[in-house]
Amino acid sequence: MARWMLVCPRCYHRFEYKIVDPDVVVQALRDPFTVIPKPTFKSGGETKTCPSCGMESLYRSFDLIYSGDETAFGAAGSD
């Protein structure tokens, strides 16, 4: 399952912010020019707490990292 991830600036732990809609991922697999839209943040960003070290940090949309579903790409290439 594809996810939007964040990285803690203290311990560099990657943690999930939001799951990407599977329909959007399927569309992106069909059309290589499709851009998967990032979730919108409140004006000024959102504060999240790292589940590993407990540090609270402010994140903005450019901090999001797309973590794709490798099994979907394998299935698409097996046709």
PDB file of N, CA and C in Angstrom:
ATOM      1  N   MET A   1       0.845  -1.176   0.000  1.00  0.00           N
ATOM      2  CA  MET A   1       0.000   0.000   0.000  1.00  0.00           C
ATOM      3  C   MET A   1       0.895   1.246   0.000  1.00  0.00           C
ATOM      4  N   ALA A   2       0.606   2.176  -0.879  1.00  0.00           N
ATOM      5  CA  ALA A   2       1.376   3.404  -0.984  1.00  0.00           C
ATOM      6  C   ALA A   2       1.019   4.358   0.158  1.00  0.00           C
ATOM      7  N   ARG A   3       2.034   5.084   0.629  1.00  0.00           N
ATOM      8  CA  ARG A   3       1.844   5.983   1.772  1.00  0.00           C
ATOM      9  C   ARG A   3       2.640   7.268   1.578  1.00  0.00           C
ATOM     10  N   TRP A   4       2.175   8.317   2.241  1.00  0.00           N
ATOM     11  CA  TRP A   4       2.957   9.533   2.394  1.00  0.00           C
ATOM     12  C   TRP A   4       3.636   9.431   3.750  1.00  0.00           C
ATOM     13  N   MET A   5       4.953   9.607   3.759  1.00  0.00           N
ATOM     14  CA  MET A   5       5.743   9.432   4.970  1.00  0.00           C
ATOM     15  C   MET A   5       6.382  10.757   5.388  1.00  0.00           C
ATOM     16  N   LEU A   6       6.706  10.839   6.681  1.00  0.00           N
ATOM     17  CA  LEU A   6       7.462  11.955   7.238  1.00  0.00           C
ATOM     18  C   LEU A   6       8.711  11.383   7.902  1.00  0.00           C
ATOM     19  N   VAL A   7       9.743  12.212   8.035  1.00  0.00           N
ATOM     20  CA  VAL A   7      10.990  11.792   8.668  1.00  0.00           C
ATOM     21  C   VAL A   7      11.258  12.703   9.854  1.00  0.00           C
ATOM     22  N   CYS A   8      11.531  12.099  11.002  1.00  0.00           N
ATOM     23  CA  CYS A   8      11.841  12.866  12.207  1.00  0.00           C
ATOM     24  C   CYS A   8      13.211  13.535  12.046  1.00  0.00           C
ATOM     25  N   PRO A   9      13.310  14.841  12.337  1.00  0.00           N
ATOM     26  CA  PRO A   9      14.599  15.526  12.200  1.00  0.00           C
ATOM     27  C   PRO A   9      15.614  15.138  13.289  1.00  0.00           C
ATOM     28  N   ARG A  10      15.153  14.531  14.374  1.00  0.00           N
ATOM     29  CA  ARG A  10      16.069  14.132  15.443  1.00  0.00           C
ATOM     30  C   ARG A  10      16.623  12.725  15.229  1.00  0.00           C
ATOM     31  N   CYS A  11      15.740  11.738  15.099  1.00  0.00           N
ATOM     32  CA  CYS A  11      16.195  10.343  15.039  1.00  0.00           C
ATOM     33  C   CYS A  11      16.111   9.743  13.626  1.00  0.00           C
ATOM     34  N   TYR A  12      15.589  10.504  12.660  1.00  0.00           N
ATOM     35  CA  TYR A  12      15.468  10.088  11.257  1.00  0.00           C
ATOM     36  C   TYR A  12      14.545   8.885  11.057  1.00  0.00           C
ATOM     37  N   HIS A  13      13.671   8.666  12.009  1.00  0.00           N
ATOM     38  CA  HIS A  13      12.681   7.595  11.887  1.00  0.00           C
ATOM     39  C   HIS A  13      11.623   8.014  10.867  1.00  0.00           C
ATOM     40  N   ARG A  14      11.311   7.109   9.930  1.00  0.00           N
ATOM     41  CA  ARG A  14      10.251   7.373   8.954  1.00  0.00           C
ATOM     42  C   ARG A  14       8.941   6.861   9.517  1.00  0.00           C
ATOM     43  N   PHE A  15       7.916   7.698   9.455  1.00  0.00           N
ATOM     44  CA  PHE A  15       6.609   7.266   9.940  1.00  0.00           C
ATOM     45  C   PHE A  15       5.512   7.746   8.991  1.00  0.00           C
ATOM     46  N   GLU A  16       4.417   7.008   9.005  1.00  0.00           N
ATOM     47  CA  GLU A  16       3.318   7.249   8.075  1.00  0.00           C
ATOM     48  C   GLU A  16       2.543   8.506   8.437  1.00  0.00           C
ATOM     49  N   TYR A  17       2.255   9.293   7.401  1.00  0.00           N
ATOM     50  CA  TYR A  17       1.384  10.447   7.571  1.00  0.00           C
ATOM     51  C   TYR A  17      -0.020  10.116   7.070  1.00  0.00           C
ATOM     52  N   LYS A  18      -0.098   9.546   5.862  1.00  0.00           N
ATOM     53  CA  LYS A  18      -1.397   9.256   5.264  1.00  0.00           C
ATOM     54  C   LYS A  18      -1.247   8.179   4.195  1.00  0.00           C
ATOM     55  N   ILE A  19      -2.260   7.338   4.061  1.00  0.00           N
ATOM     56  CA  ILE A  19      -2.286   6.320   3.021  1.00  0.00           C
ATOM     57  C   ILE A  19      -2.792   6.951   1.728  1.00  0.00           C
ATOM     58  N   VAL A  20      -2.146   6.596   0.620  1.00  0.00           N
ATOM     59  CA  VAL A  20      -2.553   7.106  -0.690  1.00  0.00           C
ATOM     60  C   VAL A  20      -3.751   6.297  -1.175  1.00  0.00           C
ATOM     61  N   ASP A  21      -4.736   6.978  -1.717  1.00  0.00           N
ATOM     62  CA  ASP A  21      -5.932   6.325  -2.251  1.00  0.00           C
ATOM     63  C   ASP A  21      -5.522   5.299  -3.312  1.00  0.00           C
ATOM     64  N   PRO A  22      -5.897   4.034  -3.137  1.00  0.00           N
ATOM     65  CA  PRO A  22      -5.505   2.991  -4.100  1.00  0.00           C
ATOM     66  C   PRO A  22      -5.956   3.271  -5.534  1.00  0.00           C
ATOM     67  N   ASP A  23      -7.085   3.946  -5.713  1.00  0.00           N
ATOM     68  CA  ASP A  23      -7.561   4.280  -7.059  1.00  0.00           C
ATOM     69  C   ASP A  23      -6.599   5.235  -7.764  1.00  0.00           C
ATOM     70  N   VAL A  24      -5.994   6.145  -7.007  1.00  0.00           N
ATOM     71  CA  VAL A  24      -5.030   7.086  -7.576  1.00  0.00           C
ATOM     72  C   VAL A  24      -3.768   6.338  -8.008  1.00  0.00           C
ATOM     73  N   VAL A  25      -3.356   5.354  -7.215  1.00  0.00           N
ATOM     74  CA  VAL A  25      -2.172   4.561  -7.551  1.00  0.00           C
ATOM     75  C   VAL A  25      -2.422   3.741  -8.818  1.00  0.00           C
ATOM     76  N   VAL A  26      -3.598   3.147  -8.930  1.00  0.00           N
ATOM     77  CA  VAL A  26      -3.934   2.372 -10.129  1.00  0.00           C
ATOM     78  C   VAL A  26      -3.913   3.272 -11.356  1.00  0.00           C
ATOM     79  N   GLN A  27      -4.459   4.465 -11.242  1.00  0.00           N
ATOM     80  CA  GLN A  27      -4.441   5.417 -12.356  1.00  0.00           C
ATOM     81  C   GLN A  27      -3.009   5.782 -12.731  1.00  0.00           C
ATOM     82  N   ALA A  28      -2.149   5.967 -11.743  1.00  0.00           N
ATOM     83  CA  ALA A  28      -0.750   6.311 -12.006  1.00  0.00           C
ATOM     84  C   ALA A  28      -0.016   5.164 -12.687  1.00  0.00           C
ATOM     85  N   LEU A  29      -0.384   3.939 -12.381  1.00  0.00           N
ATOM     86  CA  LEU A  29       0.232   2.793 -13.048  1.00  0.00           C
ATOM     87  C   LEU A  29      -0.182   2.715 -14.518  1.00  0.00           C
ATOM     88  N   ARG A  30      -1.369   3.164 -14.820  1.00  0.00           N
ATOM     89  CA  ARG A  30      -1.866   3.133 -16.205  1.00  0.00           C
ATOM     90  C   ARG A  30      -1.305   4.279 -17.039  1.00  0.00           C
ATOM     91  N   ASP A  31      -1.109   5.421 -16.408  1.00  0.00           N
ATOM     92  CA  ASP A  31      -0.638   6.613 -17.119  1.00  0.00           C
ATOM     93  C   ASP A  31       0.645   7.111 -16.459  1.00  0.00           C
ATOM     94  N   PRO A  32       1.788   6.937 -17.103  1.00  0.00           N
ATOM     95  CA  PRO A  32       3.054   7.320 -16.478  1.00  0.00           C
ATOM     96  C   PRO A  32       3.217   8.825 -16.246  1.00  0.00           C
ATOM     97  N   PHE A  33       2.338   9.645 -16.832  1.00  0.00           N
ATOM     98  CA  PHE A  33       2.427  11.095 -16.641  1.00  0.00           C
ATOM     99  C   PHE A  33       1.529  11.595 -15.517  1.00  0.00           C
ATOM    100  N   THR A  34       0.846  10.684 -14.843  1.00  0.00           N
ATOM    101  CA  THR A  34      -0.010  11.062 -13.721  1.00  0.00           C
ATOM    102  C   THR A  34       0.856  11.445 -12.523  1.00  0.00           C
ATOM    103  N   VAL A  35       0.509  12.546 -11.904  1.00  0.00           N
ATOM    104  CA  VAL A  35       1.197  12.986 -10.689  1.00  0.00           C
ATOM    105  C   VAL A  35       0.274  12.703  -9.510  1.00  0.00           C
ATOM    106  N   ILE A  36       0.784  11.972  -8.542  1.00  0.00           N
ATOM    107  CA  ILE A  36      -0.018  11.673  -7.356  1.00  0.00           C
ATOM    108  C   ILE A  36       0.013  12.908  -6.462  1.00  0.00           C
ATOM    109  N   PRO A  37      -1.152  13.523  -6.226  1.00  0.00           N
ATOM    110  CA  PRO A  37      -1.178  14.771  -5.455  1.00  0.00           C
ATOM    111  C   PRO A  37      -0.837  14.552  -3.987  1.00  0.00           C
ATOM    112  N   LYS A  38      -0.073  15.483  -3.452  1.00  0.00           N
ATOM    113  CA  LYS A  38       0.255  15.435  -2.026  1.00  0.00           C
ATOM    114  C   LYS A  38      -0.945  15.898  -1.208  1.00  0.00           C
ATOM    115  N   PRO A  39      -1.078  15.383   0.006  1.00  0.00           N
ATOM    116  CA  PRO A  39      -2.143  15.890   0.881  1.00  0.00           C
ATOM    117  C   PRO A  39      -1.882  17.358   1.211  1.00  0.00           C
ATOM    118  N   THR A  40      -2.941  18.096   1.444  1.00  0.00           N
ATOM    119  CA  THR A  40      -2.786  19.504   1.796  1.00  0.00           C
ATOM    120  C   THR A  40      -2.611  19.650   3.303  1.00  0.00           C
ATOM    121  N   PHE A  41      -1.743  20.546   3.673  1.00  0.00           N
ATOM    122  CA  PHE A  41      -1.508  20.862   5.080  1.00  0.00           C
ATOM    123  C   PHE A  41      -2.215  22.166   5.411  1.00  0.00           C
ATOM    124  N   LYS A  42      -2.466  22.377   6.665  1.00  0.00           N
ATOM    125  CA  LYS A  42      -3.001  23.670   7.106  1.00  0.00           C
ATOM    126  C   LYS A  42      -1.982  24.749   6.778  1.00  0.00           C
ATOM    127  N   SER A  43      -2.426  25.973   6.686  1.00  0.00           N
ATOM    128  CA  SER A  43      -1.516  27.083   6.438  1.00  0.00           C
ATOM    129  C   SER A  43      -0.473  27.137   7.549  1.00  0.00           C
ATOM    130  N   GLY A  44       0.785  27.109   7.176  1.00  0.00           N
ATOM    131  CA  GLY A  44       1.856  27.134   8.170  1.00  0.00           C
ATOM    132  C   GLY A  44       2.348  25.759   8.564  1.00  0.00           C
ATOM    133  N   GLY A  45       1.673  24.693   8.119  1.00  0.00           N
ATOM    134  CA  GLY A  45       2.123  23.337   8.414  1.00  0.00           C
ATOM    135  C   GLY A  45       1.342  22.687   9.541  1.00  0.00           C
ATOM    136  N   GLU A  46       1.739  21.450   9.853  1.00  0.00           N
ATOM    137  CA  GLU A  46       1.104  20.680  10.923  1.00  0.00           C
ATOM    138  C   GLU A  46       2.173  20.146  11.861  1.00  0.00           C
ATOM    139  N   THR A  47       1.840  20.103  13.122  1.00  0.00           N
ATOM    140  CA  THR A  47       2.746  19.555  14.121  1.00  0.00           C
ATOM    141  C   THR A  47       2.433  18.083  14.325  1.00  0.00           C
ATOM    142  N   LYS A  48       3.469  17.247  14.230  1.00  0.00           N
ATOM    143  CA  LYS A  48       3.344  15.810  14.437  1.00  0.00           C
ATOM    144  C   LYS A  48       4.406  15.360  15.432  1.00  0.00           C
ATOM    145  N   THR A  49       4.088  14.297  16.168  1.00  0.00           N
ATOM    146  CA  THR A  49       5.019  13.736  17.137  1.00  0.00           C
ATOM    147  C   THR A  49       5.609  12.455  16.587  1.00  0.00           C
ATOM    148  N   CYS A  50       6.920  12.320  16.663  1.00  0.00           N
ATOM    149  CA  CYS A  50       7.603  11.125  16.188  1.00  0.00           C
ATOM    150  C   CYS A  50       7.242   9.949  17.092  1.00  0.00           C
ATOM    151  N   PRO A  51       6.795   8.840  16.520  1.00  0.00           N
ATOM    152  CA  PRO A  51       6.453   7.682  17.340  1.00  0.00           C
ATOM    153  C   PRO A  51       7.675   6.988  17.932  1.00  0.00           C
ATOM    154  N   SER A  52       8.863   7.295  17.434  1.00  0.00           N
ATOM    155  CA  SER A  52      10.074   6.645  17.925  1.00  0.00           C
ATOM    156  C   SER A  52      10.696   7.388  19.108  1.00  0.00           C
ATOM    157  N   CYS A  53      10.953   8.693  18.921  1.00  0.00           N
ATOM    158  CA  CYS A  53      11.658   9.439  19.985  1.00  0.00           C
ATOM    159  C   CYS A  53      10.760  10.424  20.732  1.00  0.00           C
ATOM    160  N   GLY A  54       9.557  10.677  20.210  1.00  0.00           N
ATOM    161  CA  GLY A  54       8.621  11.564  20.885  1.00  0.00           C
ATOM    162  C   GLY A  54       8.807  13.043  20.608  1.00  0.00           C
ATOM    163  N   MET A  55       9.724  13.387  19.711  1.00  0.00           N
ATOM    164  CA  MET A  55       9.950  14.801  19.395  1.00  0.00           C
ATOM    165  C   MET A  55       8.792  15.352  18.575  1.00  0.00           C
ATOM    166  N   GLU A  56       8.308  16.509  18.953  1.00  0.00           N
ATOM    167  CA  GLU A  56       7.236  17.185  18.227  1.00  0.00           C
ATOM    168  C   GLU A  56       7.873  18.150  17.233  1.00  0.00           C
ATOM    169  N   SER A  57       7.465  18.052  15.959  1.00  0.00           N
ATOM    170  CA  SER A  57       8.049  18.884  14.908  1.00  0.00           C
ATOM    171  C   SER A  57       6.964  19.438  14.006  1.00  0.00           C
ATOM    172  N   LEU A  58       7.281  20.554  13.380  1.00  0.00           N
ATOM    173  CA  LEU A  58       6.390  21.178  12.417  1.00  0.00           C
ATOM    174  C   LEU A  58       6.749  20.664  11.024  1.00  0.00           C
ATOM    175  N   TYR A  59       5.759  20.154  10.306  1.00  0.00           N
ATOM    176  CA  TYR A  59       5.968  19.636   8.960  1.00  0.00           C
ATOM    177  C   TYR A  59       5.129  20.419   7.961  1.00  0.00           C
ATOM    178  N   ARG A  60       5.668  20.544   6.752  1.00  0.00           N
ATOM    179  CA  ARG A  60       4.962  21.195   5.653  1.00  0.00           C
ATOM    180  C   ARG A  60       4.885  20.214   4.493  1.00  0.00           C
ATOM    181  N   SER A  61       4.139  20.561   3.464  1.00  0.00           N
ATOM    182  CA  SER A  61       3.902  19.618   2.360  1.00  0.00           C
ATOM    183  C   SER A  61       5.198  19.167   1.685  1.00  0.00           C
ATOM    184  N   PHE A  62       6.219  20.025   1.650  1.00  0.00           N
ATOM    185  CA  PHE A  62       7.466  19.618   1.000  1.00  0.00           C
ATOM    186  C   PHE A  62       8.254  18.605   1.832  1.00  0.00           C
ATOM    187  N   ASP A  63       7.843  18.348   3.083  1.00  0.00           N
ATOM    188  CA  ASP A  63       8.485  17.333   3.918  1.00  0.00           C
ATOM    189  C   ASP A  63       7.969  15.925   3.629  1.00  0.00           C
ATOM    190  N   LEU A  64       6.876  15.818   2.890  1.00  0.00           N
ATOM    191  CA  LEU A  64       6.284  14.516   2.607  1.00  0.00           C
ATOM    192  C   LEU A  64       7.132  13.722   1.620  1.00  0.00           C
ATOM    193  N   ILE A  65       7.245  12.424   1.875  1.00  0.00           N
ATOM    194  CA  ILE A  65       7.970  11.499   1.004  1.00  0.00           C
ATOM    195  C   ILE A  65       6.987  10.427   0.558  1.00  0.00           C
ATOM    196  N   TYR A  66       6.956  10.189  -0.734  1.00  0.00           N
ATOM    197  CA  TYR A  66       6.080   9.149  -1.263  1.00  0.00           C
ATOM    198  C   TYR A  66       6.765   7.801  -1.112  1.00  0.00           C
ATOM    199  N   SER A  67       6.072   6.863  -0.503  1.00  0.00           N
ATOM    200  CA  SER A  67       6.556   5.495  -0.379  1.00  0.00           C
ATOM    201  C   SER A  67       5.591   4.608  -1.143  1.00  0.00           C
ATOM    202  N   GLY A  68       6.016   4.174  -2.321  1.00  0.00           N
ATOM    203  CA  GLY A  68       5.142   3.420  -3.209  1.00  0.00           C
ATOM    204  C   GLY A  68       4.942   1.979  -2.779  1.00  0.00           C
ATOM    205  N   ASP A  69       3.994   1.363  -3.428  1.00  0.00           N
ATOM    206  CA  ASP A  69       3.694  -0.032  -3.179  1.00  0.00           C
ATOM    207  C   ASP A  69       4.425  -0.863  -4.224  1.00  0.00           C
ATOM    208  N   GLU A  70       5.516  -1.490  -3.822  1.00  0.00           N
ATOM    209  CA  GLU A  70       6.324  -2.268  -4.750  1.00  0.00           C
ATOM    210  C   GLU A  70       5.574  -3.461  -5.316  1.00  0.00           C
ATOM    211  N   THR A  71       4.629  -4.021  -4.556  1.00  0.00           N
ATOM    212  CA  THR A  71       3.872  -5.176  -5.049  1.00  0.00           C
ATOM    213  C   THR A  71       2.977  -4.771  -6.217  1.00  0.00           C
ATOM    214  N   ALA A  72       2.493  -3.535  -6.228  1.00  0.00           N
ATOM    215  CA  ALA A  72       1.651  -3.071  -7.331  1.00  0.00           C
ATOM    216  C   ALA A  72       2.480  -2.989  -8.617  1.00  0.00           C
ATOM    217  N   PHE A  73       3.723  -2.521  -8.504  1.00  0.00           N
ATOM    218  CA  PHE A  73       4.575  -2.430  -9.691  1.00  0.00           C
ATOM    219  C   PHE A  73       4.941  -3.813 -10.193  1.00  0.00           C
ATOM    220  N   GLY A  74       5.153  -4.754  -9.304  1.00  0.00           N
ATOM    221  CA  GLY A  74       5.451  -6.120  -9.714  1.00  0.00           C
ATOM    222  C   GLY A  74       4.274  -6.753 -10.420  1.00  0.00           C
ATOM    223  N   ALA A  75       3.077  -6.501  -9.930  1.00  0.00           N
ATOM    224  CA  ALA A  75       1.877  -7.050 -10.546  1.00  0.00           C
ATOM    225  C   ALA A  75       1.634  -6.427 -11.914  1.00  0.00           C
ATOM    226  N   ALA A  76       1.930  -5.148 -12.042  1.00  0.00           N
ATOM    227  CA  ALA A  76       1.702  -4.466 -13.319  1.00  0.00           C
ATOM    228  C   ALA A  76       2.666  -4.965 -14.389  1.00  0.00           C
ATOM    229  N   GLY A  77       3.867  -5.350 -13.984  1.00  0.00           N
ATOM    230  CA  GLY A  77       4.868  -5.811 -14.937  1.00  0.00           C
ATOM    231  C   GLY A  77       4.739  -7.274 -15.284  1.00  0.00           C
ATOM    232  N   SER A  78       3.837  -8.009 -14.643  1.00  0.00           N
ATOM    233  CA  SER A  78       3.745  -9.443 -14.882  1.00  0.00           C
ATOM    234  C   SER A  78       2.760  -9.804 -15.990  1.00  0.00           C
ATOM    235  N   ASP A  79       2.151  -8.807 -16.623  1.00  0.00           N
ATOM    236  CA  ASP A  79       1.167  -9.098 -17.683  1.00  0.00           C
ATOM    237  C   ASP A  79       1.828  -9.692 -18.898  1.00  0.00           C
TER     238      ASP A  79
END
